[in-house]
PDB file of N, CA and C in Angstrom:
ATOM      1  N   ARG A   1      73.348 116.246 130.021  1.00  0.00           N
ATOM      2  CA  ARG A   1      74.113 116.196 131.246  1.00  0.00           C
ATOM      3  C   ARG A   1      74.846 117.513 131.482  1.00  0.00           C
ATOM      4  N   LEU A   2      75.443 118.046 130.415  1.00  0.00           N
ATOM      5  CA  LEU A   2      76.154 119.319 130.567  1.00  0.00           C
ATOM      6  C   LEU A   2      75.203 120.466 130.875  1.00  0.00           C
ATOM      7  N   VAL A   3      74.013 120.411 130.303  1.00  0.00           N
ATOM      8  CA  VAL A   3      73.033 121.471 130.569  1.00  0.00           C
ATOM      9  C   VAL A   3      72.641 121.444 132.040  1.00  0.00           C
ATOM     10  N   THR A   4      72.408 120.241 132.560  1.00  0.00           N
ATOM     11  CA  THR A   4      72.054 120.108 133.978  1.00  0.00           C
ATOM     12  C   THR A   4      73.199 120.585 134.861  1.00  0.00           C
ATOM     13  N   GLU A   5      74.412 120.170 134.511  1.00  0.00           N
ATOM     14  CA  GLU A   5      75.585 120.584 135.283  1.00  0.00           C
ATOM     15  C   GLU A   5      75.761 122.099 135.241  1.00  0.00           C
ATOM     16  N   ASN A   6      75.533 122.697 134.085  1.00  0.00           N
ATOM     17  CA  ASN A   6      75.647 124.151 133.951  1.00  0.00           C
ATOM     18  C   ASN A   6      74.584 124.855 134.782  1.00  0.00           C
ATOM     19  N   ALA A   7      73.367 124.287 134.828  1.00  0.00           N
ATOM     20  CA  ALA A   7      72.300 124.901 135.618  1.00  0.00           C
ATOM     21  C   ALA A   7      72.607 124.820 137.112  1.00  0.00           C
ATOM     22  N   MET A   8      73.235 123.720 137.529  1.00  0.00           N
ATOM     23  CA  MET A   8      73.537 123.545 138.948  1.00  0.00           C
ATOM     24  C   MET A   8      74.769 124.349 139.377  1.00  0.00           C
ATOM     25  N   ASP A   9      75.748 124.491 138.455  1.00  0.00           N
ATOM     26  CA  ASP A   9      76.982 125.208 138.792  1.00  0.00           C
ATOM     27  C   ASP A   9      77.358 126.113 137.617  1.00  0.00           C
ATOM     28  N   PRO A  10      76.686 127.266 137.455  1.00  0.00           N
ATOM     29  CA  PRO A  10      76.905 128.126 136.290  1.00  0.00           C
ATOM     30  C   PRO A  10      78.297 128.735 136.218  1.00  0.00           C
ATOM     31  N   GLU A  11      79.013 128.810 137.332  1.00  0.00           N
ATOM     32  CA  GLU A  11      80.345 129.399 137.295  1.00  0.00           C
ATOM     33  C   GLU A  11      81.402 128.430 136.776  1.00  0.00           C
ATOM     34  N   LYS A  12      81.026 127.171 136.651  1.00  0.00           N
ATOM     35  CA  LYS A  12      81.979 126.169 136.171  1.00  0.00           C
ATOM     36  C   LYS A  12      82.332 126.406 134.705  1.00  0.00           C
ATOM     37  N   TYR A  13      81.354 126.883 133.925  1.00  0.00           N
ATOM     38  CA  TYR A  13      81.560 127.125 132.495  1.00  0.00           C
ATOM     39  C   TYR A  13      81.415 128.612 132.214  1.00  0.00           C
ATOM     40  N   PRO A  14      82.309 129.183 131.391  1.00  0.00           N
ATOM     41  CA  PRO A  14      82.136 130.594 131.006  1.00  0.00           C
ATOM     42  C   PRO A  14      80.802 130.793 130.286  1.00  0.00           C
ATOM     43  N   ALA A  15      80.299 132.000 130.340  1.00  0.00           N
ATOM     44  CA  ALA A  15      78.958 132.291 129.818  1.00  0.00           C
ATOM     45  C   ALA A  15      78.801 131.952 128.341  1.00  0.00           C
ATOM     46  N   ASP A  16      79.835 132.156 127.545  1.00  0.00           N
ATOM     47  CA  ASP A  16      79.677 131.951 126.102  1.00  0.00           C
ATOM     48  C   ASP A  16      80.245 130.611 125.613  1.00  0.00           C
ATOM     49  N   SER A  17      80.595 129.697 126.521  1.00  0.00           N
ATOM     50  CA  SER A  17      81.252 128.453 126.093  1.00  0.00           C
ATOM     51  C   SER A  17      80.342 127.596 125.217  1.00  0.00           C
ATOM     52  N   PHE A  18      79.060 127.493 125.554  1.00  0.00           N
ATOM     53  CA  PHE A  18      78.159 126.666 124.750  1.00  0.00           C
ATOM     54  C   PHE A  18      77.945 127.261 123.360  1.00  0.00           C
ATOM     55  N   SER A  19      77.804 128.563 123.292  1.00  0.00           N
ATOM     56  CA  SER A  19      77.594 129.184 121.980  1.00  0.00           C
ATOM     57  C   SER A  19      78.854 129.090 121.121  1.00  0.00           C
ATOM     58  N   ARG A  20      80.050 129.183 121.743  1.00  0.00           N
ATOM     59  CA  ARG A  20      81.294 129.025 120.974  1.00  0.00           C
ATOM     60  C   ARG A  20      81.408 127.618 120.392  1.00  0.00           C
ATOM     61  N   VAL A  21      81.111 126.624 121.218  1.00  0.00           N
ATOM     62  CA  VAL A  21      81.187 125.238 120.737  1.00  0.00           C
ATOM     63  C   VAL A  21      80.147 125.004 119.644  1.00  0.00           C
ATOM     64  N   ARG A  22      78.935 125.541 119.837  1.00  0.00           N
ATOM     65  CA  ARG A  22      77.895 125.406 118.820  1.00  0.00           C
ATOM     66  C   ARG A  22      78.353 126.029 117.506  1.00  0.00           C
ATOM     67  N   ASP A  23      78.955 127.211 117.577  1.00  0.00           N
ATOM     68  CA  ASP A  23      79.438 127.880 116.369  1.00  0.00           C
ATOM     69  C   ASP A  23      80.541 127.076 115.688  1.00  0.00           C
ATOM     70  N   GLN A  24      81.417 126.451 116.483  1.00  0.00           N
ATOM     71  CA  GLN A  24      82.460 125.604 115.900  1.00  0.00           C
ATOM     72  C   GLN A  24      81.846 124.418 115.157  1.00  0.00           C
ATOM     73  N   PHE A  25      80.868 123.768 115.801  1.00  0.00           N
ATOM     74  CA  PHE A  25      80.219 122.625 115.154  1.00  0.00           C
ATOM     75  C   PHE A  25      79.465 123.040 113.893  1.00  0.00           C
ATOM     76  N   LEU A  26      78.799 124.178 113.948  1.00  0.00           N
ATOM     77  CA  LEU A  26      78.081 124.648 112.762  1.00  0.00           C
ATOM     78  C   LEU A  26      79.050 124.981 111.634  1.00  0.00           C
ATOM     79  N   GLY A  27      80.215 125.540 111.983  1.00  0.00           N
ATOM     80  CA  GLY A  27      81.231 125.818 110.964  1.00  0.00           C
ATOM     81  C   GLY A  27      81.740 124.540 110.320  1.00  0.00           C
ATOM     82  N   LYS A  28      82.022 123.525 111.149  1.00  0.00           N
ATOM     83  CA  LYS A  28      82.467 122.233 110.613  1.00  0.00           C
ATOM     84  C   LYS A  28      81.382 121.596 109.752  1.00  0.00           C
ATOM     85  N   LYS A  29      80.138 121.705 110.215  1.00  0.00           N
ATOM     86  CA  LYS A  29      79.024 121.146 109.449  1.00  0.00           C
ATOM     87  C   LYS A  29      78.916 121.839 108.097  1.00  0.00           C
ATOM     88  N   GLY A  30      79.056 123.163 108.086  1.00  0.00           N
ATOM     89  CA  GLY A  30      78.996 123.914 106.828  1.00  0.00           C
ATOM     90  C   GLY A  30      80.088 123.486 105.866  1.00  0.00           C
ATOM     91  N   ASP A  31      81.304 123.281 106.396  1.00  0.00           N
ATOM     92  CA  ASP A  31      82.410 122.820 105.545  1.00  0.00           C
ATOM     93  C   ASP A  31      82.115 121.442 104.968  1.00  0.00           C
ATOM     94  N   LEU A  32      81.583 120.550 105.803  1.00  0.00           N
ATOM     95  CA  LEU A  32      81.260 119.198 105.330  1.00  0.00           C
ATOM     96  C   LEU A  32      80.154 119.220 104.275  1.00  0.00           C
ATOM     97  N   VAL A  33      79.153 120.050 104.481  1.00  0.00           N
ATOM     98  CA  VAL A  33      78.065 120.152 103.503  1.00  0.00           C
ATOM     99  C   VAL A  33      78.593 120.667 102.171  1.00  0.00           C
ATOM    100  N   LYS A  34      79.464 121.684 102.211  1.00  0.00           N
ATOM    101  CA  LYS A  34      80.057 122.203 100.968  1.00  0.00           C
ATOM    102  C   LYS A  34      80.868 121.128 100.266  1.00  0.00           C
ATOM    103  N   HIS A  35      81.639 120.369 101.044  1.00  0.00           N
ATOM    104  CA  HIS A  35      82.451 119.299 100.461  1.00  0.00           C
ATOM    105  C   HIS A  35      81.560 118.234  99.819  1.00  0.00           C
ATOM    106  N   LEU A  36      80.488 117.841 100.505  1.00  0.00           N
ATOM    107  CA  LEU A  36      79.578 116.842  99.940  1.00  0.00           C
ATOM    108  C   LEU A  36      78.896 117.359  98.676  1.00  0.00           C
ATOM    109  N   GLN A  37      78.535 118.627  98.664  1.00  0.00           N
ATOM    110  CA  GLN A  37      77.917 119.199  97.470  1.00  0.00           C
ATOM    111  C   GLN A  37      78.894 119.217  96.308  1.00  0.00           C
ATOM    112  N   SER A  38      80.161 119.499  96.587  1.00  0.00           N
ATOM    113  CA  SER A  38      81.151 119.502  95.506  1.00  0.00           C
ATOM    114  C   SER A  38      81.361 118.096  94.960  1.00  0.00           C
ATOM    115  N   LEU A  39      81.228 117.080  95.808  1.00  0.00           N
ATOM    116  CA  LEU A  39      81.366 115.700  95.338  1.00  0.00           C
ATOM    117  C   LEU A  39      80.197 115.283  94.460  1.00  0.00           C
ATOM    118  N   SER A  40      79.025 115.845  94.729  1.00  0.00           N
ATOM    119  CA  SER A  40      77.851 115.444  93.962  1.00  0.00           C
ATOM    120  C   SER A  40      77.740 116.167  92.622  1.00  0.00           C
ATOM    121  N   GLU A  41      78.559 117.201  92.414  1.00  0.00           N
ATOM    122  CA  GLU A  41      78.515 117.909  91.137  1.00  0.00           C
ATOM    123  C   GLU A  41      79.077 117.015  90.041  1.00  0.00           C
ATOM    124  N   VAL A  42      78.364 116.952  88.943  1.00  0.00           N
ATOM    125  CA  VAL A  42      78.776 116.111  87.831  1.00  0.00           C
ATOM    126  C   VAL A  42      79.821 116.848  87.009  1.00  0.00           C
ATOM    127  N   GLU A  43      80.934 116.171  86.776  1.00  0.00           N
ATOM    128  CA  GLU A  43      81.973 116.776  85.952  1.00  0.00           C
ATOM    129  C   GLU A  43      81.552 116.719  84.490  1.00  0.00           C
ATOM    130  N   ALA A  44      81.915 117.742  83.759  1.00  0.00           N
ATOM    131  CA  ALA A  44      81.607 117.762  82.334  1.00  0.00           C
ATOM    132  C   ALA A  44      82.468 116.722  81.621  1.00  0.00           C
ATOM    133  N   THR A  45      81.848 116.011  80.693  1.00  0.00           N
ATOM    134  CA  THR A  45      82.583 115.020  79.923  1.00  0.00           C
ATOM    135  C   THR A  45      83.567 115.738  79.011  1.00  0.00           C
ATOM    136  N   PRO A  46      84.834 115.323  79.044  1.00  0.00           N
ATOM    137  CA  PRO A  46      85.800 115.977  78.159  1.00  0.00           C
ATOM    138  C   PRO A  46      85.465 115.688  76.696  1.00  0.00           C
ATOM    139  N   THR A  47      85.925 116.544  75.827  1.00  0.00           N
ATOM    140  CA  THR A  47      85.669 116.351  74.401  1.00  0.00           C
ATOM    141  C   THR A  47      86.861 115.664  73.752  1.00  0.00           C
ATOM    142  N   ARG A  48      86.602 115.095  72.605  1.00  0.00           N
ATOM    143  CA  ARG A  48      87.667 114.429  71.857  1.00  0.00           C
ATOM    144  C   ARG A  48      88.769 115.420  71.497  1.00  0.00           C
ATOM    145  N   GLU A  49      88.372 116.653  71.207  1.00  0.00           N
ATOM    146  CA  GLU A  49      89.348 117.675  70.819  1.00  0.00           C
ATOM    147  C   GLU A  49      90.371 117.941  71.926  1.00  0.00           C
ATOM    148  N   GLU A  50      89.946 117.816  73.177  1.00  0.00           N
ATOM    149  CA  GLU A  50      90.875 118.033  74.284  1.00  0.00           C
ATOM    150  C   GLU A  50      91.985 116.985  74.293  1.00  0.00           C
ATOM    151  N   PHE A  51      91.710 115.812  73.753  1.00  0.00           N
ATOM    152  CA  PHE A  51      92.674 114.716  73.773  1.00  0.00           C
ATOM    153  C   PHE A  51      93.437 114.560  72.462  1.00  0.00           C
ATOM    154  N   ARG A  52      93.056 115.310  71.438  1.00  0.00           N
ATOM    155  CA  ARG A  52      93.698 115.155  70.127  1.00  0.00           C
ATOM    156  C   ARG A  52      95.224 115.323  70.186  1.00  0.00           C
ATOM    157  N   PRO A  53      95.772 116.360  70.849  1.00  0.00           N
ATOM    158  CA  PRO A  53      97.244 116.478  70.898  1.00  0.00           C
ATOM    159  C   PRO A  53      97.899 115.273  71.581  1.00  0.00           C
ATOM    160  N   LEU A  54      97.274 114.772  72.626  1.00  0.00           N
ATOM    161  CA  LEU A  54      97.816 113.609  73.321  1.00  0.00           C
ATOM    162  C   LEU A  54      97.794 112.379  72.421  1.00  0.00           C
ATOM    163  N   ILE A  55      96.704 112.194  71.682  1.00  0.00           N
ATOM    164  CA  ILE A  55      96.585 111.028  70.798  1.00  0.00           C
ATOM    165  C   ILE A  55      97.613 111.099  69.681  1.00  0.00           C
ATOM    166  N   VAL A  56      97.760 112.262  69.067  1.00  0.00           N
ATOM    167  CA  VAL A  56      98.729 112.418  67.976  1.00  0.00           C
ATOM    168  C   VAL A  56     100.139 112.164  68.493  1.00  0.00           C
ATOM    169  N   GLY A  57     100.472 112.736  69.643  1.00  0.00           N
ATOM    170  CA  GLY A  57     101.793 112.517  70.226  1.00  0.00           C
ATOM    171  C   GLY A  57     102.017 111.069  70.618  1.00  0.00           C
ATOM    172  N   LEU A  58     100.977 110.434  71.110  1.00  0.00           N
ATOM    173  CA  LEU A  58     101.077 109.032  71.510  1.00  0.00           C
ATOM    174  C   LEU A  58     101.335 108.141  70.309  1.00  0.00           C
ATOM    175  N   MET A  59     100.644 108.407  69.225  1.00  0.00           N
ATOM    176  CA  MET A  59     100.842 107.602  68.016  1.00  0.00           C
ATOM    177  C   MET A  59     102.252 107.787  67.466  1.00  0.00           C
ATOM    178  N   ALA A  60     102.758 109.007  67.522  1.00  0.00           N
ATOM    179  CA  ALA A  60     104.090 109.278  66.978  1.00  0.00           C
ATOM    180  C   ALA A  60     105.188 108.640  67.829  1.00  0.00           C
ATOM    181  N   GLU A  61     105.000 108.583  69.130  1.00  0.00           N
ATOM    182  CA  GLU A  61     106.044 108.114  70.042  1.00  0.00           C
ATOM    183  C   GLU A  61     105.802 106.716  70.598  1.00  0.00           C
ATOM    184  N   TRP A  62     104.777 106.015  70.128  1.00  0.00           N
ATOM    185  CA  TRP A  62     104.363 104.748  70.735  1.00  0.00           C
ATOM    186  C   TRP A  62     105.517 103.750  70.879  1.00  0.00           C
ATOM    187  N   LYS A  63     106.290 103.554  69.824  1.00  0.00           N
ATOM    188  CA  LYS A  63     107.361 102.548  69.862  1.00  0.00           C
ATOM    189  C   LYS A  63     108.508 102.965  70.781  1.00  0.00           C
ATOM    190  N   ALA A  64     108.656 104.245  71.025  1.00  0.00           N
ATOM    191  CA  ALA A  64     109.742 104.719  71.884  1.00  0.00           C
ATOM    192  C   ALA A  64     109.375 104.655  73.370  1.00  0.00           C
ATOM    193  N   LEU A  65     108.097 104.499  73.673  1.00  0.00           N
ATOM    194  CA  LEU A  65     107.648 104.487  75.067  1.00  0.00           C
ATOM    195  C   LEU A  65     107.819 103.104  75.687  1.00  0.00           C
ATOM    196  N   HIS A  66     108.103 103.094  76.978  1.00  0.00           N
ATOM    197  CA  HIS A  66     108.148 101.841  77.732  1.00  0.00           C
ATOM    198  C   HIS A  66     106.715 101.405  78.032  1.00  0.00           C
ATOM    199  N   ALA A  67     106.536 100.154  78.394  1.00  0.00           N
ATOM    200  CA  ALA A  67     105.201  99.615  78.675  1.00  0.00           C
ATOM    201  C   ALA A  67     104.500 100.393  79.787  1.00  0.00           C
ATOM    202  N   VAL A  68     105.224 100.788  80.804  1.00  0.00           N
ATOM    203  CA  VAL A  68     104.629 101.554  81.903  1.00  0.00           C
ATOM    204  C   VAL A  68     104.118 102.899  81.395  1.00  0.00           C
ATOM    205  N   GLU A  69     104.882 103.543  80.529  1.00  0.00           N
ATOM    206  CA  GLU A  69     104.464 104.831  79.963  1.00  0.00           C
ATOM    207  C   GLU A  69     103.269 104.651  79.030  1.00  0.00           C
ATOM    208  N   GLN A  70     103.269 103.580  78.244  1.00  0.00           N
ATOM    209  CA  GLN A  70     102.132 103.304  77.363  1.00  0.00           C
ATOM    210  C   GLN A  70     100.861 103.100  78.186  1.00  0.00           C
ATOM    211  N   ASN A  71     100.969 102.324  79.260  1.00  0.00           N
ATOM    212  CA  ASN A  71      99.805 102.094  80.119  1.00  0.00           C
ATOM    213  C   ASN A  71      99.307 103.390  80.746  1.00  0.00           C
ATOM    214  N   ALA A  72     100.222 104.241  81.173  1.00  0.00           N
ATOM    215  CA  ALA A  72      99.826 105.515  81.782  1.00  0.00           C
ATOM    216  C   ALA A  72      99.069 106.385  80.779  1.00  0.00           C
ATOM    217  N   MET A  73      99.540 106.404  79.545  1.00  0.00           N
ATOM    218  CA  MET A  73      98.856 107.194  78.507  1.00  0.00           C
ATOM    219  C   MET A  73      97.479 106.610  78.193  1.00  0.00           C
ATOM    220  N   LEU A  74      97.413 105.296  78.073  1.00  0.00           N
ATOM    221  CA  LEU A  74      96.128 104.661  77.778  1.00  0.00           C
ATOM    222  C   LEU A  74      95.122 104.884  78.909  1.00  0.00           C
ATOM    223  N   ARG A  75      95.603 104.923  80.138  1.00  0.00           N
ATOM    224  CA  ARG A  75      94.702 105.186  81.270  1.00  0.00           C
ATOM    225  C   ARG A  75      94.100 106.587  81.193  1.00  0.00           C
ATOM    226  N   ARG A  76      94.825 107.516  80.624  1.00  0.00           N
ATOM    227  CA  ARG A  76      94.289 108.877  80.470  1.00  0.00           C
ATOM    228  C   ARG A  76      93.247 108.945  79.358  1.00  0.00           C
ATOM    229  N   LEU A  77      93.335 108.038  78.388  1.00  0.00           N
ATOM    230  CA  LEU A  77      92.450 108.079  77.226  1.00  0.00           C
ATOM    231  C   LEU A  77      91.242 107.157  77.341  1.00  0.00           C
ATOM    232  N   LEU A  78      91.396 106.039  78.028  1.00  0.00           N
ATOM    233  CA  LEU A  78      90.345 105.026  78.054  1.00  0.00           C
ATOM    234  C   LEU A  78      89.745 104.892  79.445  1.00  0.00           C
ATOM    235  N   ARG A  79      88.428 104.880  79.478  1.00  0.00           N
ATOM    236  CA  ARG A  79      87.720 104.634  80.736  1.00  0.00           C
ATOM    237  C   ARG A  79      87.845 103.162  81.102  1.00  0.00           C
ATOM    238  N   ARG A  80      87.658 102.298  80.111  1.00  0.00           N
ATOM    239  CA  ARG A  80      87.803 100.860  80.331  1.00  0.00           C
ATOM    240  C   ARG A  80      87.912 100.149  78.998  1.00  0.00           C
ATOM    241  N   ILE A  81      88.450  98.939  79.059  1.00  0.00           N
ATOM    242  CA  ILE A  81      88.472  98.026  77.919  1.00  0.00           C
ATOM    243  C   ILE A  81      87.692  96.799  78.354  1.00  0.00           C
ATOM    244  N   VAL A  82      86.719  96.402  77.550  1.00  0.00           N
ATOM    245  CA  VAL A  82      85.888  95.244  77.868  1.00  0.00           C
ATOM    246  C   VAL A  82      86.260  94.119  76.915  1.00  0.00           C
ATOM    247  N   ILE A  83      86.586  92.968  77.485  1.00  0.00           N
ATOM    248  CA  ILE A  83      86.918  91.795  76.682  1.00  0.00           C
ATOM    249  C   ILE A  83      85.863  90.740  76.968  1.00  0.00           C
ATOM    250  N   ASN A  84      85.146  90.343  75.928  1.00  0.00           N
ATOM    251  CA  ASN A  84      84.135  89.297  76.044  1.00  0.00           C
ATOM    252  C   ASN A  84      84.627  88.060  75.316  1.00  0.00           C
ATOM    253  N   SER A  85      84.423  86.916  75.928  1.00  0.00           N
ATOM    254  CA  SER A  85      84.789  85.649  75.301  1.00  0.00           C
ATOM    255  C   SER A  85      83.556  84.765  75.245  1.00  0.00           C
ATOM    256  N   ARG A  86      83.397  84.082  74.125  1.00  0.00           N
ATOM    257  CA  ARG A  86      82.303  83.115  74.019  1.00  0.00           C
ATOM    258  C   ARG A  86      82.753  81.992  73.102  1.00  0.00           C
ATOM    259  N   LYS A  87      82.167  80.848  73.328  1.00  0.00           N
ATOM    260  CA  LYS A  87      82.471  79.705  72.475  1.00  0.00           C
ATOM    261  C   LYS A  87      81.565  79.757  71.257  1.00  0.00           C
ATOM    262  N   SER A  88      82.145  79.457  70.121  1.00  0.00           N
ATOM    263  CA  SER A  88      81.385  79.441  68.877  1.00  0.00           C
ATOM    264  C   SER A  88      81.345  78.005  68.370  1.00  0.00           C
ATOM    265  N   ASP A  89      80.160  77.519  68.125  1.00  0.00           N
ATOM    266  CA  ASP A  89      79.989  76.144  67.648  1.00  0.00           C
ATOM    267  C   ASP A  89      80.138  76.125  66.140  1.00  0.00           C
ATOM    268  N   GLN A  90      81.186  75.460  65.678  1.00  0.00           N
ATOM    269  CA  GLN A  90      81.405  75.331  64.234  1.00  0.00           C
ATOM    270  C   GLN A  90      81.351  73.850  63.869  1.00  0.00           C
ATOM    271  N   GLY A  91      80.201  73.263  64.081  1.00  0.00           N
ATOM    272  CA  GLY A  91      80.066  71.839  63.783  1.00  0.00           C
ATOM    273  C   GLY A  91      80.803  71.012  64.817  1.00  0.00           C
ATOM    274  N   ALA A  92      81.783  70.235  64.371  1.00  0.00           N
ATOM    275  CA  ALA A  92      82.536  69.365  65.271  1.00  0.00           C
ATOM    276  C   ALA A  92      83.592  70.135  66.046  1.00  0.00           C
ATOM    277  N   GLN A  93      83.844  71.364  65.668  1.00  0.00           N
ATOM    278  CA  GLN A  93      84.883  72.158  66.332  1.00  0.00           C
ATOM    279  C   GLN A  93      84.268  73.263  67.183  1.00  0.00           C
ATOM    280  N   TRP A  94      84.953  73.551  68.238  1.00  0.00           N
ATOM    281  CA  TRP A  94      84.600  74.706  69.052  1.00  0.00           C
ATOM    282  C   TRP A  94      85.705  75.730  68.894  1.00  0.00           C
ATOM    283  N   SER A  95      85.326  76.950  68.764  1.00  0.00           N
ATOM    284  CA  SER A  95      86.347  77.999  68.728  1.00  0.00           C
ATOM    285  C   SER A  95      85.964  79.082  69.737  1.00  0.00           C
ATOM    286  N   LEU A  96      86.958  79.728  70.224  1.00  0.00           N
ATOM    287  CA  LEU A  96      86.754  80.800  71.183  1.00  0.00           C
ATOM    288  C   LEU A  96      86.747  82.126  70.428  1.00  0.00           C
ATOM    289  N   VAL A  97      85.673  82.870  70.577  1.00  0.00           N
ATOM    290  CA  VAL A  97      85.537  84.159  69.897  1.00  0.00           C
ATOM    291  C   VAL A  97      85.631  85.259  70.953  1.00  0.00           C
ATOM    292  N   ARG A  98      86.558  86.161  70.745  1.00  0.00           N
ATOM    293  CA  ARG A  98      86.715  87.291  71.665  1.00  0.00           C
ATOM    294  C   ARG A  98      86.309  88.576  70.957  1.00  0.00           C
ATOM    295  N   THR A  99      85.627  89.413  71.700  1.00  0.00           N
ATOM    296  CA  THR A  99      85.300  90.745  71.197  1.00  0.00           C
ATOM    297  C   THR A  99      85.864  91.764  72.184  1.00  0.00           C
ATOM    298  N   TYR A 100      86.220  92.909  71.661  1.00  0.00           N
ATOM    299  CA  TYR A 100      86.835  93.964  72.468  1.00  0.00           C
ATOM    300  C   TYR A 100      86.021  95.241  72.314  1.00  0.00           C
ATOM    301  N   GLU A 101      85.769  95.891  73.423  1.00  0.00           N
ATOM    302  CA  GLU A 101      85.097  97.191  73.418  1.00  0.00           C
ATOM    303  C   GLU A 101      86.016  98.188  74.120  1.00  0.00           C
ATOM    304  N   PHE A 102      86.196  99.324  73.506  1.00  0.00           N
ATOM    305  CA  PHE A 102      87.008 100.383  74.093  1.00  0.00           C
ATOM    306  C   PHE A 102      86.079 101.537  74.453  1.00  0.00           C
ATOM    307  N   HIS A 103      86.102 101.956  75.699  1.00  0.00           N
ATOM    308  CA  HIS A 103      85.263 103.056  76.160  1.00  0.00           C
ATOM    309  C   HIS A 103      86.159 104.265  76.436  1.00  0.00           C
ATOM    310  N   PRO A 104      86.298 105.175  75.470  1.00  0.00           N
ATOM    311  CA  PRO A 104      87.135 106.365  75.688  1.00  0.00           C
ATOM    312  C   PRO A 104      86.484 107.318  76.688  1.00  0.00           C
ATOM    313  N   VAL A 105      87.300 108.126  77.322  1.00  0.00           N
ATOM    314  CA  VAL A 105      86.797 109.025  78.364  1.00  0.00           C
ATOM    315  C   VAL A 105      85.934 110.152  77.807  1.00  0.00           C
ATOM    316  N   TRP A 106      86.062 110.481  76.531  1.00  0.00           N
ATOM    317  CA  TRP A 106      85.293 111.606  75.983  1.00  0.00           C
ATOM    318  C   TRP A 106      83.898 111.190  75.526  1.00  0.00           C
ATOM    319  N   GLU A 107      83.585 109.898  75.562  1.00  0.00           N
ATOM    320  CA  GLU A 107      82.230 109.449  75.236  1.00  0.00           C
ATOM    321  C   GLU A 107      81.489 109.145  76.532  1.00  0.00           C
ATOM    322  N   PRO A 108      80.158 109.260  76.506  1.00  0.00           N
ATOM    323  CA  PRO A 108      79.397 108.934  77.717  1.00  0.00           C
ATOM    324  C   PRO A 108      79.649 107.484  78.134  1.00  0.00           C
ATOM    325  N   ASP A 109      79.675 107.259  79.423  1.00  0.00           N
ATOM    326  CA  ASP A 109      79.927 105.920  79.951  1.00  0.00           C
ATOM    327  C   ASP A 109      78.714 105.035  79.671  1.00  0.00           C
ATOM    328  N   PRO A 110      78.873 103.992  78.842  1.00  0.00           N
ATOM    329  CA  PRO A 110      77.723 103.142  78.537  1.00  0.00           C
ATOM    330  C   PRO A 110      77.274 102.310  79.736  1.00  0.00           C
ATOM    331  N   TRP A 111      78.093 102.189  80.746  1.00  0.00           N
ATOM    332  CA  TRP A 111      77.740 101.407  81.930  1.00  0.00           C
ATOM    333  C   TRP A 111      77.263 102.274  83.085  1.00  0.00           C
ATOM    334  N   ALA A 112      77.177 103.567  82.868  1.00  0.00           N
ATOM    335  CA  ALA A 112      76.752 104.466  83.946  1.00  0.00           C
ATOM    336  C   ALA A 112      75.292 104.213  84.275  1.00  0.00           C
ATOM    337  N   ASP A 113      74.972 104.388  85.551  1.00  0.00           N
ATOM    338  CA  ASP A 113      73.573 104.253  85.967  1.00  0.00           C
ATOM    339  C   ASP A 113      72.773 105.399  85.372  1.00  0.00           C
ATOM    340  N   ALA A 114      71.690 105.052  84.743  1.00  0.00           N
ATOM    341  CA  ALA A 114      70.854 106.086  84.109  1.00  0.00           C
ATOM    342  C   ALA A 114      69.832 106.620  85.070  1.00  0.00           C
TER     343      ALA A 114
END
């Protein structure tokens, strides 16, 4: 529609208005493409050594920390904690057996899509 309008009344739009708008859109597109590419880059998995000072300090100060501070520290160290529950048949008795898995951030994510 704008092309037709420009052809019918060329003085309505300055000569370089379409190219300026095109350049603006291409600039925005370039920024978006760069941003999307940065999102797709895989971050390097941190090593255990990077967390050693934090772990040592956490162990030394654990009892002095409040629950909120303990949770914040654990969130930096653990990707997730998995709790599994199952019933165990022990003859006439049933017992609940729980297992715990800790997935630290410095190990590969066992649940990641391969």
